[in-house]
Amino acid sequence: MTPVTQSEINKAAWGACDTFRGVVDPSIYKDYVLTLLFLKYLSDVWQDHLTRYQAEHPDAPELVDAMMQQEAFVLPQGASFSNLHKRRHEPGNGERIDKALHAIEEANITKLRDVFQDISFNSNKLGDEEQKNDILRHLLEDFAKPALDLRPTRVGQLDIIGGAYEYLISRFAATAGKKAGEFYTPAEVSSLMARLVDPQEGDDC
């Protein structure tokens, strides 16, 4: 499998923003892009590990299930990115994504409590129901492209979330004519990034 670089992932993630441009203000759509990036990454890591465990223990599904429950983040059944992508042509994309995020938060409550409380993909900020559903369909298709395959077997040890987050924030800030430090970052997004990085006492800054 051909290795991927952080810059390639950053470029693909920024390209996903095209779905919103001219329709929704960057100060609004950046939260949706960053949140879906996290969902895609979590889903890809989950599937990658599941595939490996199933290959290692083909006759022990109970063991595989137990091992998956020890993952850093647990992905509830039906809440994966692939599940949402498969149903993208159906009405209700916003509601389905919100339900998936709620299920993920509940399954990882000690790590993700209240992280998604101020982010709603079913919000009228994205237009009426038809427009919203269409925008979210395109967004799901953008993140399903091969360039945003975020499985560990493809990306290696890259800090996908941290690197893409910093890149996107800097681009959003530049688009708004501001310095990155002046660009407002929602508390829930900052909290999520801190939990993912999990800084420890004595770490280098």
C-alpha atoms as a PDB file:
ATOM      1  CA  MET A   1       0.000   0.000   0.000  1.00  0.00           C
ATOM      2  CA  THR A   2       1.370   3.399  -1.002  1.00  0.00           C
ATOM      3  CA  PRO A   3       2.166   5.578   2.045  1.00  0.00           C
ATOM      4  CA  VAL A   4       0.293   8.841   2.349  1.00  0.00           C
ATOM      5  CA  THR A   5       1.601  12.180   3.576  1.00  0.00           C
ATOM      6  CA  GLN A   6      -0.021  14.611   5.964  1.00  0.00           C
ATOM      7  CA  SER A   7      -0.083  17.259   3.242  1.00  0.00           C
ATOM      8  CA  GLU A   8      -2.095  14.954   0.954  1.00  0.00           C
ATOM      9  CA  ILE A   9      -4.650  14.379   3.699  1.00  0.00           C
ATOM     10  CA  ASN A  10      -4.775  18.089   4.507  1.00  0.00           C
ATOM     11  CA  LYS A  11      -5.417  18.909   0.852  1.00  0.00           C
ATOM     12  CA  ALA A  12      -8.213  16.337   0.608  1.00  0.00           C
ATOM     13  CA  ALA A  13      -9.848  17.594   3.815  1.00  0.00           C
ATOM     14  CA  TRP A  14      -9.692  21.186   2.575  1.00  0.00           C
ATOM     15  CA  GLY A  15     -11.209  20.056  -0.722  1.00  0.00           C
ATOM     16  CA  ALA A  16     -14.186  18.668   1.207  1.00  0.00           C
ATOM     17  CA  CYS A  17     -15.004  22.237   2.191  1.00  0.00           C
ATOM     18  CA  ASP A  18     -15.972  22.980  -1.428  1.00  0.00           C
ATOM     19  CA  THR A  19     -19.374  21.486  -0.648  1.00  0.00           C
ATOM     20  CA  PHE A  20     -20.123  24.431   1.647  1.00  0.00           C
ATOM     21  CA  ARG A  21     -18.435  27.329  -0.120  1.00  0.00           C
ATOM     22  CA  GLY A  22     -20.845  29.967  -1.331  1.00  0.00           C
ATOM     23  CA  VAL A  23     -23.653  28.349   0.636  1.00  0.00           C
ATOM     24  CA  VAL A  24     -22.599  28.443   4.294  1.00  0.00           C
ATOM     25  CA  ASP A  25     -20.187  30.812   6.068  1.00  0.00           C
ATOM     26  CA  PRO A  26     -16.772  29.305   6.950  1.00  0.00           C
ATOM     27  CA  SER A  27     -17.292  30.181  10.608  1.00  0.00           C
ATOM     28  CA  ILE A  28     -20.171  27.699  10.544  1.00  0.00           C
ATOM     29  CA  TYR A  29     -19.077  24.922   8.215  1.00  0.00           C
ATOM     30  CA  LYS A  30     -15.613  24.445   9.719  1.00  0.00           C
ATOM     31  CA  ASP A  31     -17.192  22.709  12.724  1.00  0.00           C
ATOM     32  CA  TYR A  32     -19.005  20.243  10.464  1.00  0.00           C
ATOM     33  CA  VAL A  33     -15.874  19.425   8.488  1.00  0.00           C
ATOM     34  CA  LEU A  34     -13.734  18.924  11.602  1.00  0.00           C
ATOM     35  CA  THR A  35     -16.380  16.777  13.289  1.00  0.00           C
ATOM     36  CA  LEU A  36     -16.853  14.553  10.249  1.00  0.00           C
ATOM     37  CA  LEU A  37     -13.075  14.224   9.982  1.00  0.00           C
ATOM     38  CA  PHE A  38     -13.045  12.804  13.506  1.00  0.00           C
ATOM     39  CA  LEU A  39     -15.918  10.426  12.732  1.00  0.00           C
ATOM     40  CA  LYS A  40     -14.172   9.216   9.562  1.00  0.00           C
ATOM     41  CA  TYR A  41     -10.884   8.677  11.397  1.00  0.00           C
ATOM     42  CA  LEU A  42     -12.545   6.808  14.259  1.00  0.00           C
ATOM     43  CA  SER A  43     -14.443   4.612  11.784  1.00  0.00           C
ATOM     44  CA  ASP A  44     -11.360   3.833   9.708  1.00  0.00           C
ATOM     45  CA  VAL A  45      -9.276   2.928  12.755  1.00  0.00           C
ATOM     46  CA  TRP A  46     -12.092   0.713  14.058  1.00  0.00           C
ATOM     47  CA  GLN A  47     -12.488  -1.137  10.757  1.00  0.00           C
ATOM     48  CA  ASP A  48      -8.721  -1.531  10.349  1.00  0.00           C
ATOM     49  CA  HIS A  49      -8.339  -3.097  13.778  1.00  0.00           C
ATOM     50  CA  LEU A  50     -11.451  -5.260  13.351  1.00  0.00           C
ATOM     51  CA  THR A  51     -10.141  -6.647  10.069  1.00  0.00           C
ATOM     52  CA  ARG A  52      -6.787  -7.463  11.652  1.00  0.00           C
ATOM     53  CA  TYR A  53      -8.278  -9.153  14.720  1.00  0.00           C
ATOM     54  CA  GLN A  54     -10.649 -11.209  12.574  1.00  0.00           C
ATOM     55  CA  ALA A  55      -7.709 -12.405  10.470  1.00  0.00           C
ATOM     56  CA  GLU A  56      -5.707 -13.296  13.579  1.00  0.00           C
ATOM     57  CA  HIS A  57      -8.617 -15.073  15.313  1.00  0.00           C
ATOM     58  CA  PRO A  58     -10.916 -16.378  12.538  1.00  0.00           C
ATOM     59  CA  ASP A  59     -12.583 -18.941  14.783  1.00  0.00           C
ATOM     60  CA  ALA A  60     -13.046 -16.761  17.861  1.00  0.00           C
ATOM     61  CA  PRO A  61     -15.648 -14.047  17.187  1.00  0.00           C
ATOM     62  CA  GLU A  62     -16.269 -13.606  20.916  1.00  0.00           C
ATOM     63  CA  LEU A  63     -12.580 -12.857  21.466  1.00  0.00           C
ATOM     64  CA  VAL A  64     -12.601 -10.368  18.600  1.00  0.00           C
ATOM     65  CA  ASP A  65     -15.641  -8.624  20.108  1.00  0.00           C
ATOM     66  CA  ALA A  66     -13.914  -8.444  23.487  1.00  0.00           C
ATOM     67  CA  MET A  67     -10.757  -7.016  21.927  1.00  0.00           C
ATOM     68  CA  MET A  68     -12.731  -4.362  20.070  1.00  0.00           C
ATOM     69  CA  GLN A  69     -14.313  -3.243  23.322  1.00  0.00           C
ATOM     70  CA  GLN A  70     -10.798  -2.389  24.546  1.00  0.00           C
ATOM     71  CA  GLU A  71     -10.165   0.067  21.724  1.00  0.00           C
ATOM     72  CA  ALA A  72      -9.303   3.670  22.599  1.00  0.00           C
ATOM     73  CA  PHE A  73     -12.714   4.666  21.198  1.00  0.00           C
ATOM     74  CA  VAL A  74     -15.634   2.263  20.912  1.00  0.00           C
ATOM     75  CA  LEU A  75     -17.743   2.527  17.763  1.00  0.00           C
ATOM     76  CA  PRO A  76     -21.378   1.459  18.339  1.00  0.00           C
ATOM     77  CA  GLN A  77     -23.107  -0.640  15.710  1.00  0.00           C
ATOM     78  CA  GLY A  78     -24.706   1.506  13.027  1.00  0.00           C
ATOM     79  CA  ALA A  79     -22.741   4.644  13.960  1.00  0.00           C
ATOM     80  CA  SER A  80     -19.849   4.200  11.532  1.00  0.00           C
ATOM     81  CA  PHE A  81     -19.036   6.522   8.661  1.00  0.00           C
ATOM     82  CA  SER A  82     -19.621   3.699   6.164  1.00  0.00           C
ATOM     83  CA  ASN A  83     -23.128   3.181   7.529  1.00  0.00           C
ATOM     84  CA  LEU A  84     -23.929   6.876   7.043  1.00  0.00           C
ATOM     85  CA  HIS A  85     -22.351   6.903   3.593  1.00  0.00           C
ATOM     86  CA  LYS A  86     -24.402   3.923   2.418  1.00  0.00           C
ATOM     87  CA  ARG A  87     -27.622   5.786   3.281  1.00  0.00           C
ATOM     88  CA  ARG A  88     -26.541   9.181   1.930  1.00  0.00           C
ATOM     89  CA  HIS A  89     -29.182   9.213  -0.823  1.00  0.00           C
ATOM     90  CA  GLU A  90     -31.999   8.744   1.695  1.00  0.00           C
ATOM     91  CA  PRO A  91     -33.750  11.677   3.419  1.00  0.00           C
ATOM     92  CA  GLY A  92     -32.553  12.507   6.936  1.00  0.00           C
ATOM     93  CA  ASN A  93     -28.767  12.698   6.616  1.00  0.00           C
ATOM     94  CA  GLY A  94     -28.551  15.373   9.303  1.00  0.00           C
ATOM     95  CA  GLU A  95     -30.612  13.411  11.793  1.00  0.00           C
ATOM     96  CA  ARG A  96     -28.668  10.189  11.130  1.00  0.00           C
ATOM     97  CA  ILE A  97     -25.296  11.884  11.636  1.00  0.00           C
ATOM     98  CA  ASP A  98     -26.492  13.506  14.875  1.00  0.00           C
ATOM     99  CA  LYS A  99     -27.737  10.132  16.153  1.00  0.00           C
ATOM    100  CA  ALA A 100     -24.418   8.495  15.269  1.00  0.00           C
ATOM    101  CA  LEU A 101     -22.472  11.170  17.144  1.00  0.00           C
ATOM    102  CA  HIS A 102     -24.772  10.828  20.160  1.00  0.00           C
ATOM    103  CA  ALA A 103     -24.278   7.050  20.166  1.00  0.00           C
ATOM    104  CA  ILE A 104     -20.506   7.466  19.952  1.00  0.00           C
ATOM    105  CA  GLU A 105     -20.536   9.946  22.823  1.00  0.00           C
ATOM    106  CA  GLU A 106     -22.632   7.588  24.966  1.00  0.00           C
ATOM    107  CA  ALA A 107     -20.314   4.662  24.214  1.00  0.00           C
ATOM    108  CA  ASN A 108     -17.260   6.760  25.149  1.00  0.00           C
ATOM    109  CA  ILE A 109     -18.823   8.988  27.771  1.00  0.00           C
ATOM    110  CA  THR A 110     -15.720   9.457  29.924  1.00  0.00           C
ATOM    111  CA  LYS A 111     -13.729  10.731  26.926  1.00  0.00           C
ATOM    112  CA  LEU A 112     -16.368  12.462  24.826  1.00  0.00           C
ATOM    113  CA  ARG A 113     -18.895  13.834  27.320  1.00  0.00           C
ATOM    114  CA  ASP A 114     -20.585  16.944  25.843  1.00  0.00           C
ATOM    115  CA  VAL A 115     -18.063  17.162  22.988  1.00  0.00           C
ATOM    116  CA  PHE A 116     -20.774  17.192  20.316  1.00  0.00           C
ATOM    117  CA  GLN A 117     -23.497  18.999  22.262  1.00  0.00           C
ATOM    118  CA  ASP A 118     -23.227  22.248  20.270  1.00  0.00           C
ATOM    119  CA  ILE A 119     -22.791  20.628  16.859  1.00  0.00           C
ATOM    120  CA  SER A 120     -25.945  19.599  15.012  1.00  0.00           C
ATOM    121  CA  PHE A 121     -25.868  18.344  11.444  1.00  0.00           C
ATOM    122  CA  ASN A 122     -29.652  18.626  11.458  1.00  0.00           C
ATOM    123  CA  SER A 123     -29.494  22.374  12.050  1.00  0.00           C
ATOM    124  CA  ASN A 124     -31.298  24.850   9.809  1.00  0.00           C
ATOM    125  CA  LYS A 125     -27.940  26.629   9.490  1.00  0.00           C
ATOM    126  CA  LEU A 126     -27.404  24.340   6.502  1.00  0.00           C
ATOM    127  CA  GLY A 127     -30.613  25.420   4.784  1.00  0.00           C
ATOM    128  CA  ASP A 128     -33.996  23.789   4.355  1.00  0.00           C
ATOM    129  CA  GLU A 129     -34.357  20.011   4.571  1.00  0.00           C
ATOM    130  CA  GLU A 130     -33.713  19.356   0.894  1.00  0.00           C
ATOM    131  CA  GLN A 131     -30.673  21.630   0.670  1.00  0.00           C
ATOM    132  CA  LYS A 132     -29.257  20.304   3.944  1.00  0.00           C
ATOM    133  CA  ASN A 133     -29.655  16.711   2.859  1.00  0.00           C
ATOM    134  CA  ASP A 134     -27.928  17.448  -0.443  1.00  0.00           C
ATOM    135  CA  ILE A 135     -25.025  19.274   1.212  1.00  0.00           C
ATOM    136  CA  LEU A 136     -24.464  16.454   3.668  1.00  0.00           C
ATOM    137  CA  ARG A 137     -24.665  13.843   0.913  1.00  0.00           C
ATOM    138  CA  HIS A 138     -21.871  15.630  -0.924  1.00  0.00           C
ATOM    139  CA  LEU A 139     -19.859  15.940   2.284  1.00  0.00           C
ATOM    140  CA  LEU A 140     -20.166  12.206   2.985  1.00  0.00           C
ATOM    141  CA  GLU A 141     -19.060  11.503  -0.576  1.00  0.00           C
ATOM    142  CA  ASP A 142     -16.069  13.822  -0.175  1.00  0.00           C
ATOM    143  CA  PHE A 143     -14.894  11.976   2.916  1.00  0.00           C
ATOM    144  CA  ALA A 144     -15.419   8.603   1.226  1.00  0.00           C
ATOM    145  CA  LYS A 145     -12.817   9.396  -1.442  1.00  0.00           C
ATOM    146  CA  PRO A 146      -9.640   7.266  -1.415  1.00  0.00           C
ATOM    147  CA  ALA A 147      -7.551  10.320  -0.474  1.00  0.00           C
ATOM    148  CA  LEU A 148      -9.304  10.377   2.905  1.00  0.00           C
ATOM    149  CA  ASP A 149      -8.756   6.698   3.664  1.00  0.00           C
ATOM    150  CA  LEU A 150      -7.429   7.165   7.210  1.00  0.00           C
ATOM    151  CA  ARG A 151      -6.764   3.549   8.187  1.00  0.00           C
ATOM    152  CA  PRO A 152      -3.605   3.132  10.313  1.00  0.00           C
ATOM    153  CA  THR A 153      -2.231   0.627   7.778  1.00  0.00           C
ATOM    154  CA  ARG A 154      -2.238   3.486   5.265  1.00  0.00           C
ATOM    155  CA  VAL A 155      -1.320   6.524   7.330  1.00  0.00           C
ATOM    156  CA  GLY A 156       1.161   4.897   9.719  1.00  0.00           C
ATOM    157  CA  GLN A 157       2.101   7.023  12.712  1.00  0.00           C
ATOM    158  CA  LEU A 158       0.883  10.336  11.299  1.00  0.00           C
ATOM    159  CA  ASP A 159      -1.061  12.544  13.708  1.00  0.00           C
ATOM    160  CA  ILE A 160      -3.959  12.765  11.265  1.00  0.00           C
ATOM    161  CA  ILE A 161      -6.435  14.598  13.454  1.00  0.00           C
ATOM    162  CA  GLY A 162      -3.970  17.043  14.974  1.00  0.00           C
ATOM    163  CA  GLY A 163      -2.236  17.823  11.694  1.00  0.00           C
ATOM    164  CA  ALA A 164      -5.412  18.240   9.659  1.00  0.00           C
ATOM    165  CA  TYR A 165      -7.059  20.260  12.420  1.00  0.00           C
ATOM    166  CA  GLU A 166      -4.181  22.766  12.546  1.00  0.00           C
ATOM    167  CA  TYR A 167      -4.062  22.993   8.769  1.00  0.00           C
ATOM    168  CA  LEU A 168      -7.793  23.545   8.344  1.00  0.00           C
ATOM    169  CA  ILE A 169      -7.949  26.141  11.112  1.00  0.00           C
ATOM    170  CA  SER A 170      -5.099  28.077   9.494  1.00  0.00           C
ATOM    171  CA  ARG A 171      -6.879  27.971   6.126  1.00  0.00           C
ATOM    172  CA  PHE A 172     -10.190  29.039   7.634  1.00  0.00           C
ATOM    173  CA  ALA A 173      -8.425  31.900   9.354  1.00  0.00           C
ATOM    174  CA  ALA A 174      -6.692  32.979   6.143  1.00  0.00           C
ATOM    175  CA  THR A 175      -9.988  32.852   4.259  1.00  0.00           C
ATOM    176  CA  ALA A 176     -11.555  35.093   6.888  1.00  0.00           C
ATOM    177  CA  GLY A 177      -8.636  37.530   6.682  1.00  0.00           C
ATOM    178  CA  LYS A 178      -7.527  36.774  10.221  1.00  0.00           C
ATOM    179  CA  LYS A 179      -4.502  35.305  11.895  1.00  0.00           C
ATOM    180  CA  ALA A 180      -4.975  31.774  13.166  1.00  0.00           C
ATOM    181  CA  GLY A 181      -4.775  32.995  16.744  1.00  0.00           C
ATOM    182  CA  GLU A 182      -7.691  35.334  16.152  1.00  0.00           C
ATOM    183  CA  PHE A 183      -9.951  32.637  14.721  1.00  0.00           C
ATOM    184  CA  TYR A 184     -12.560  31.492  17.219  1.00  0.00           C
ATOM    185  CA  THR A 185     -12.369  27.803  18.053  1.00  0.00           C
ATOM    186  CA  PRO A 186     -15.494  26.293  19.665  1.00  0.00           C
ATOM    187  CA  ALA A 187     -14.870  24.928  23.143  1.00  0.00           C
ATOM    188  CA  GLU A 188     -16.154  21.474  22.203  1.00  0.00           C
ATOM    189  CA  VAL A 189     -13.631  21.180  19.375  1.00  0.00           C
ATOM    190  CA  SER A 190     -10.761  22.336  21.575  1.00  0.00           C
ATOM    191  CA  SER A 191     -11.827  19.881  24.257  1.00  0.00           C
ATOM    192  CA  LEU A 192     -11.921  17.025  21.756  1.00  0.00           C
ATOM    193  CA  MET A 193      -8.450  17.797  20.439  1.00  0.00           C
ATOM    194  CA  ALA A 194      -7.022  17.962  23.959  1.00  0.00           C
ATOM    195  CA  ARG A 195      -8.517  14.573  24.791  1.00  0.00           C
ATOM    196  CA  LEU A 196      -7.170  13.019  21.613  1.00  0.00           C
ATOM    197  CA  VAL A 197      -3.672  14.377  22.207  1.00  0.00           C
ATOM    198  CA  ASP A 198      -3.864  13.397  25.911  1.00  0.00           C
ATOM    199  CA  PRO A 199      -0.921  15.544  27.097  1.00  0.00           C
ATOM    200  CA  GLN A 200       1.000  14.240  30.072  1.00  0.00           C
ATOM    201  CA  GLU A 201       3.022  16.093  32.687  1.00  0.00           C
ATOM    202  CA  GLY A 202       6.572  16.519  31.486  1.00  0.00           C
ATOM    203  CA  ASP A 203       5.732  16.376  27.765  1.00  0.00           C
ATOM    204  CA  ASP A 204       7.646  18.809  25.572  1.00  0.00           C
ATOM    205  CA  CYS A 205       5.588  21.725  24.284  1.00  0.00           C
END
